[in-house]
Amino acid sequence: KYQLDLVRDITQRKTQEAALVESEVRYRRLFEAAQDGILILDAETGAIVDVNPFLLRMLGFTHEQLAGQKVWELGFFKDIVANQANFRELQEQEYIRYDDRPLETVDGRRIDVEFVSNVYLVDHQKVVQCNIRDITERKHSERALRQSEDLLRTLIDSTPDWIFIKDRRHRYVLVNQGYADCLGRMPADVVGLNDLELGFPEAQVKGDPDRGINGFWNDDLEVMTSGQPRVIAEDPATVNGQLRLLHTFKAPVRDVTGNVMGVIGICRDITAVRAAAVEVRKLSRAVEQSPASV
C-alpha cells in the first residue's frame, strides 16, 4: 500500500509539474506574441524583470538596455513613473490606469499610450505587470475626425438654407444654425425634440390638413419607407407666426449597413421669390392690357 501511495504521489506531482510547465510555456508564447507592450517589474525594487519584444520595437530599445533598470530612472517613463514615490503609489494601489500618456522613443519621437498596471504574486513574490498600448494613430484619427466634424458644422451653419436630420421617431438629431434661428432657439435645444414639442401646429395651413405636422411626418415616413428622396416644391409652413413658402428636399439617412435610420431635410425659404414672381406676372398683365404706345 505504501508503494502504491508513493507511486500515486509521484504521478500526481509529475502531472502538476507538467501542467505548470505547459502553463509557463503558454504564458511565454502570449508574452512574446502580444501586440501590446508588456513590462514586468519587481514590486519591491522597481527593477525591470522582463520586457516583451513588442515594447522593445515600440520604443526602439534592446532588452539589455532595459533589463535591471529602475523604472523611475528611465526618461521615457517621466510622465508615468517620474520618481520612486510614484512607483510606491503604483505598488500600493495595485491597479492604475492612464488612458492617455506620452512616452518617448529612443530616437526622441513622442508616442501616446494607454497604460495599465497590475500587482500580483508570482512564486510568492509580488511583481508589477505594465501593459502599454500605442494609441498614437487612434488619436490622430480622432483629431482628424473632430476637424472633419468642425468643417462640416461650419459648412451647414454657413448656408442660408434650413438643414435638419430626424430619427425614425421624428426627433431631431441635428439642426443647423439657420433652422435653430428661425425657431428662436439654440441648435442644442432642438436636438431630441419633435415638431409637436417645438410648437408646430398639427395643421399649418387652414383648410389644408395634409400639411403641418401630419404632413411633415407623412413626408418623413414616405421617404424612410421608400428609401427614395422627395421634393416638395412649395411647402407652406408657419414660422414665428408668419406663413412662409418653402422648397423642401428630403432624403433617407442610412447607417453603415444600409438600413434607413432617419431622414435629412433641406428647406429653402422661397416666400420672397414667389412674391416677386407674382408681382412680375401682375406687371406683365398690366403691360399687356395697357394701350399700345404710339
Protein backbone atom coordinates (compact mmCIF):
# COMPACT_ATOMS: atom_id res chain seq x y z
CA LYS A 1 0.00 0.00 0.00
CA TYR A 2 2.87 2.35 0.87
CA GLN A 3 4.47 1.82 -2.54
CA LEU A 4 1.14 2.35 -4.29
CA ASP A 5 0.58 5.63 -2.42
CA LEU A 6 4.13 6.71 -3.27
CA VAL A 7 3.54 5.98 -6.96
CA ARG A 8 0.33 7.97 -6.82
CA ASP A 9 2.10 10.92 -5.14
CA ILE A 10 4.89 10.90 -7.69
CA THR A 11 2.40 10.61 -10.56
CA GLN A 12 0.33 13.49 -9.19
CA ARG A 13 3.42 15.65 -8.69
CA LYS A 14 4.66 14.92 -12.20
CA THR A 15 1.24 15.78 -13.59
CA GLN A 16 1.23 19.08 -11.69
CA GLU A 17 4.77 19.88 -12.82
CA ALA A 18 3.86 19.14 -16.43
CA ALA A 19 0.79 21.33 -16.14
CA LEU A 20 2.90 24.14 -14.64
CA VAL A 21 5.48 23.88 -17.42
CA GLU A 22 2.72 23.90 -20.02
CA SER A 23 1.16 26.95 -18.37
CA GLU A 24 4.51 28.76 -18.30
CA VAL A 25 5.16 27.92 -21.96
CA ARG A 26 1.69 29.15 -22.91
CA TYR A 27 2.19 32.38 -20.94
CA ARG A 28 5.59 32.92 -22.55
CA ARG A 29 4.16 32.49 -26.02
CA LEU A 30 1.43 35.02 -25.24
CA PHE A 31 4.01 37.38 -23.72
CA GLU A 32 6.25 37.14 -26.79
CA ALA A 33 3.42 37.39 -29.34
CA ALA A 34 1.36 40.14 -27.63
CA GLN A 35 0.56 43.17 -29.78
CA ASP A 36 0.76 45.45 -26.72
CA GLY A 37 3.90 46.38 -24.85
CA ILE A 38 4.38 44.42 -21.59
CA LEU A 39 6.80 45.38 -18.84
CA ILE A 40 7.36 43.19 -15.74
CA LEU A 41 8.76 44.94 -12.66
CA ASP A 42 9.96 43.73 -9.29
CA ALA A 43 7.29 45.16 -6.96
CA GLU A 44 9.82 45.77 -4.18
CA THR A 45 12.72 47.35 -6.06
CA GLY A 46 11.04 48.71 -9.20
CA ALA A 47 13.65 47.00 -11.35
CA ILE A 48 12.66 45.74 -14.80
CA VAL A 49 12.47 41.94 -14.71
CA ASP A 50 11.29 41.37 -18.27
CA VAL A 51 10.06 43.24 -21.33
CA ASN A 52 8.34 41.77 -24.36
CA PRO A 53 9.51 42.22 -27.98
CA PHE A 54 6.59 44.45 -28.94
CA LEU A 55 7.55 47.10 -26.37
CA LEU A 56 11.18 46.94 -27.45
CA ARG A 57 10.14 47.57 -31.06
CA MET A 58 7.73 50.31 -29.97
CA LEU A 59 10.40 52.25 -28.06
CA GLY A 60 13.49 51.23 -30.04
CA PHE A 61 15.43 49.84 -27.07
CA THR A 62 17.18 46.49 -26.69
CA HIS A 63 16.43 44.03 -23.90
CA GLU A 64 19.90 44.64 -22.45
CA GLN A 65 19.32 48.39 -22.26
CA LEU A 66 16.22 47.94 -20.09
CA ALA A 67 16.75 44.78 -18.05
CA GLY A 68 17.58 45.55 -14.42
CA GLN A 69 16.94 49.29 -14.75
CA LYS A 70 14.78 51.04 -12.15
CA VAL A 71 11.60 52.13 -13.88
CA TRP A 72 11.73 55.69 -12.50
CA GLU A 73 15.26 56.09 -13.84
CA LEU A 74 14.06 55.66 -17.41
CA GLY A 75 13.50 59.03 -19.03
CA PHE A 76 10.73 57.83 -21.32
CA PHE A 77 8.59 56.99 -18.24
CA LYS A 78 8.82 60.50 -16.79
CA ASP A 79 5.10 61.20 -17.31
CA ILE A 80 4.03 57.89 -15.72
CA VAL A 81 6.55 56.89 -13.05
CA ALA A 82 8.65 60.01 -12.58
CA ASN A 83 10.19 59.00 -9.26
CA GLN A 84 10.28 56.37 -6.56
CA ALA A 85 7.25 57.90 -4.80
CA ASN A 86 5.19 57.40 -7.97
CA PHE A 87 6.26 53.79 -8.06
CA ARG A 88 5.25 53.31 -4.41
CA GLU A 89 1.81 54.69 -5.23
CA LEU A 90 1.53 52.20 -8.09
CA GLN A 91 2.63 49.40 -5.79
CA GLU A 92 0.19 50.32 -3.01
CA GLN A 93 -2.85 50.80 -5.24
CA GLU A 94 -2.15 47.53 -7.09
CA TYR A 95 -4.06 48.83 -10.12
CA ILE A 96 -3.50 52.06 -12.03
CA ARG A 97 -4.81 53.07 -15.44
CA TYR A 98 -3.90 56.06 -17.58
CA ASP A 99 -5.94 56.47 -20.75
CA ASP A 100 -3.59 58.94 -22.38
CA ARG A 101 0.07 59.43 -21.51
CA PRO A 102 3.11 60.38 -23.64
CA LEU A 103 6.16 58.16 -23.98
CA GLU A 104 9.40 59.00 -25.72
CA THR A 105 11.19 56.54 -28.02
CA VAL A 106 14.95 56.06 -28.08
CA ASP A 107 15.21 58.47 -31.05
CA GLY A 108 13.19 61.19 -29.27
CA ARG A 109 9.90 60.58 -31.06
CA ARG A 110 6.77 61.06 -28.91
CA ILE A 111 4.02 58.45 -28.88
CA ASP A 112 0.73 58.42 -26.96
CA VAL A 113 -0.14 55.32 -24.94
CA GLU A 114 -2.72 53.72 -22.68
CA PHE A 115 -1.01 52.45 -19.55
CA VAL A 116 -2.43 49.80 -17.18
CA SER A 117 -0.53 48.27 -14.27
CA ASN A 118 -1.48 45.36 -12.01
CA VAL A 119 0.29 43.92 -8.98
CA TYR A 120 0.12 40.16 -8.44
CA LEU A 121 2.04 37.25 -6.92
CA VAL A 122 4.47 35.00 -8.78
CA ASP A 123 6.04 32.26 -6.65
CA HIS A 124 5.02 34.17 -3.50
CA GLN A 125 6.75 37.31 -4.77
CA LYS A 126 4.95 40.47 -5.86
CA VAL A 127 5.51 41.71 -9.39
CA VAL A 128 4.05 44.62 -11.32
CA GLN A 129 2.84 44.00 -14.86
CA CYS A 130 2.50 47.10 -17.04
CA ASN A 131 0.51 46.83 -20.26
CA ILE A 132 1.27 49.65 -22.70
CA ARG A 133 -0.79 50.23 -25.85
CA ASP A 134 0.25 52.66 -28.57
CA ILE A 135 -2.76 54.90 -29.32
CA THR A 136 -0.90 57.47 -31.45
CA GLU A 137 -2.68 56.56 -34.69
CA ARG A 138 -6.02 56.41 -32.94
CA LYS A 139 -5.50 59.89 -31.53
CA HIS A 140 -4.52 61.17 -34.98
CA SER A 141 -7.71 59.64 -36.39
CA GLU A 142 -9.78 61.17 -33.59
CA ARG A 143 -8.28 64.61 -34.23
CA ALA A 144 -8.90 64.25 -37.97
CA LEU A 145 -12.49 63.23 -37.27
CA ARG A 146 -13.03 66.23 -34.98
CA GLN A 147 -11.58 68.54 -37.63
CA SER A 148 -13.85 66.99 -40.25
CA GLU A 149 -16.87 67.39 -37.97
CA ASP A 150 -15.93 71.01 -37.27
CA LEU A 151 -15.62 71.72 -41.00
CA LEU A 152 -18.96 70.05 -41.70
CA ARG A 153 -20.59 72.02 -38.88
CA THR A 154 -19.16 75.26 -40.26
CA LEU A 155 -20.45 74.38 -43.71
CA ILE A 156 -24.03 73.60 -42.67
CA ASP A 157 -24.18 76.59 -40.32
CA SER A 158 -22.96 78.93 -43.08
CA THR A 159 -25.70 78.05 -45.55
CA PRO A 160 -28.87 80.17 -45.52
CA ASP A 161 -30.94 77.02 -46.04
CA TRP A 162 -32.50 75.23 -43.08
CA ILE A 163 -30.95 71.79 -42.56
CA PHE A 164 -32.10 69.12 -40.17
CA ILE A 165 -31.84 65.38 -39.53
CA LYS A 166 -34.58 63.41 -37.75
CA ASP A 167 -34.58 59.85 -36.45
CA ARG A 168 -37.32 57.30 -37.12
CA ARG A 169 -39.36 58.71 -34.22
CA HIS A 170 -39.34 62.18 -35.82
CA ARG A 171 -36.98 63.54 -33.17
CA TYR A 172 -34.31 65.98 -34.31
CA VAL A 173 -30.79 64.58 -34.28
CA LEU A 174 -29.15 67.65 -35.84
CA VAL A 175 -30.23 71.12 -36.93
CA ASN A 176 -28.13 73.90 -38.41
CA GLN A 177 -27.90 77.40 -37.03
CA GLY A 178 -30.28 78.81 -39.64
CA TYR A 179 -33.07 76.41 -38.69
CA ALA A 180 -32.47 77.00 -34.99
CA ASP A 181 -32.59 80.76 -35.54
CA CYS A 182 -35.96 80.54 -37.26
CA LEU A 183 -37.24 78.63 -34.22
CA GLY A 184 -35.75 81.17 -31.82
CA ARG A 185 -33.60 78.50 -30.15
CA MET A 186 -30.04 77.24 -29.95
CA PRO A 187 -29.27 74.11 -32.04
CA ALA A 188 -28.57 72.02 -28.93
CA ASP A 189 -32.00 72.96 -27.52
CA VAL A 190 -33.75 71.50 -30.58
CA VAL A 191 -31.97 68.13 -30.58
CA GLY A 192 -34.12 65.41 -29.02
CA LEU A 193 -37.43 67.20 -29.60
CA ASN A 194 -40.06 66.62 -32.28
CA ASP A 195 -42.17 69.16 -34.21
CA LEU A 196 -45.06 68.95 -31.75
CA GLU A 197 -42.76 69.66 -28.81
CA LEU A 198 -41.32 72.60 -30.75
CA GLY A 199 -44.78 74.15 -31.01
CA PHE A 200 -45.63 73.46 -34.64
CA PRO A 201 -49.42 73.20 -35.09
CA GLU A 202 -50.80 69.94 -36.43
CA ALA A 203 -52.17 71.77 -39.46
CA GLN A 204 -50.03 74.67 -40.62
CA VAL A 205 -52.50 75.95 -43.21
CA LYS A 206 -56.20 76.22 -42.53
CA GLY A 207 -58.12 74.01 -44.90
CA ASP A 208 -55.04 72.00 -45.84
CA PRO A 209 -54.94 69.06 -43.36
CA ASP A 210 -52.18 67.31 -45.32
CA ARG A 211 -49.60 69.87 -44.25
CA GLY A 212 -48.42 70.86 -40.79
CA ILE A 213 -47.06 68.15 -38.51
CA ASN A 214 -49.23 65.47 -40.07
CA GLY A 215 -47.94 66.43 -43.49
CA PHE A 216 -44.34 66.73 -42.33
CA TRP A 217 -44.38 63.32 -40.68
CA ASN A 218 -46.17 61.70 -43.61
CA ASP A 219 -43.41 63.02 -45.87
CA ASP A 220 -40.77 61.69 -43.48
CA LEU A 221 -42.41 58.27 -43.33
CA GLU A 222 -42.76 58.08 -47.10
CA VAL A 223 -39.05 58.86 -47.57
CA MET A 224 -37.95 56.40 -44.86
CA THR A 225 -40.27 53.65 -46.10
CA SER A 226 -39.49 54.01 -49.80
CA GLY A 227 -35.82 54.79 -49.30
CA GLN A 228 -36.18 57.42 -52.02
CA PRO A 229 -35.74 61.20 -51.79
CA ARG A 230 -38.68 63.54 -52.21
CA VAL A 231 -39.03 67.18 -53.25
CA ILE A 232 -41.91 69.35 -52.03
CA ALA A 233 -41.70 72.30 -54.41
CA GLU A 234 -43.96 74.64 -52.44
CA ASP A 235 -44.27 73.62 -48.80
CA PRO A 236 -46.30 76.05 -46.64
CA ALA A 237 -45.15 76.45 -43.05
CA THR A 238 -45.92 78.87 -40.24
CA VAL A 239 -42.66 80.18 -38.77
CA ASN A 240 -42.73 82.65 -35.87
CA GLY A 241 -46.38 83.32 -36.63
CA GLN A 242 -45.74 84.09 -40.30
CA LEU A 243 -46.75 81.94 -43.23
CA ARG A 244 -43.69 81.03 -45.27
CA LEU A 245 -43.34 79.09 -48.50
CA LEU A 246 -40.51 76.56 -48.56
CA HIS A 247 -38.83 74.45 -51.21
CA THR A 248 -38.08 71.25 -49.28
CA PHE A 249 -35.84 68.32 -50.18
CA LYS A 250 -35.93 65.18 -48.03
CA ALA A 251 -33.78 62.05 -48.34
CA PRO A 252 -33.23 58.92 -46.25
CA VAL A 253 -30.31 58.72 -43.82
CA ARG A 254 -28.70 55.26 -43.70
CA ASP A 255 -26.37 53.58 -41.23
CA VAL A 256 -23.19 51.73 -42.26
CA THR A 257 -25.20 48.59 -43.08
CA GLY A 258 -27.58 50.46 -45.38
CA ASN A 259 -30.59 50.46 -43.05
CA VAL A 260 -32.65 53.66 -43.04
CA MET A 261 -32.25 55.31 -39.64
CA GLY A 262 -33.90 58.66 -40.32
CA VAL A 263 -34.40 61.50 -42.77
CA ILE A 264 -32.44 64.60 -43.73
CA GLY A 265 -34.25 67.72 -44.83
CA ILE A 266 -33.03 70.86 -46.59
CA CYS A 267 -35.51 73.75 -46.75
CA ARG A 268 -35.14 76.98 -48.69
CA ASP A 269 -37.41 79.93 -47.96
CA ILE A 270 -38.86 80.93 -51.34
CA THR A 271 -41.53 83.28 -49.99
CA ALA A 272 -39.85 86.41 -51.34
CA VAL A 273 -39.07 84.73 -54.67
CA ARG A 274 -42.68 83.65 -55.14
CA ALA A 275 -43.95 87.09 -54.11
CA ALA A 276 -41.62 88.72 -56.62
CA ALA A 277 -42.83 86.30 -59.32
CA VAL A 278 -46.43 87.26 -58.57
CA GLU A 279 -45.57 90.96 -58.86
CA VAL A 280 -43.79 90.32 -62.17
CA ARG A 281 -46.87 88.49 -63.52
CA LYS A 282 -49.11 91.36 -62.39
CA LEU A 283 -46.83 93.86 -64.10
CA SER A 284 -46.75 91.76 -67.26
CA ARG A 285 -50.54 91.59 -67.39
CA ALA A 286 -50.79 95.32 -66.80
CA VAL A 287 -48.40 95.97 -69.65
CA GLU A 288 -50.30 93.58 -71.93
CA GLN A 289 -53.63 95.24 -71.13
CA SER A 290 -52.39 98.82 -71.47
CA PRO A 291 -52.99 100.67 -74.81
CA ALA A 292 -50.10 100.30 -77.18
CA SER A 293 -47.92 103.37 -77.09
CA VAL A 294 -47.64 105.34 -80.28
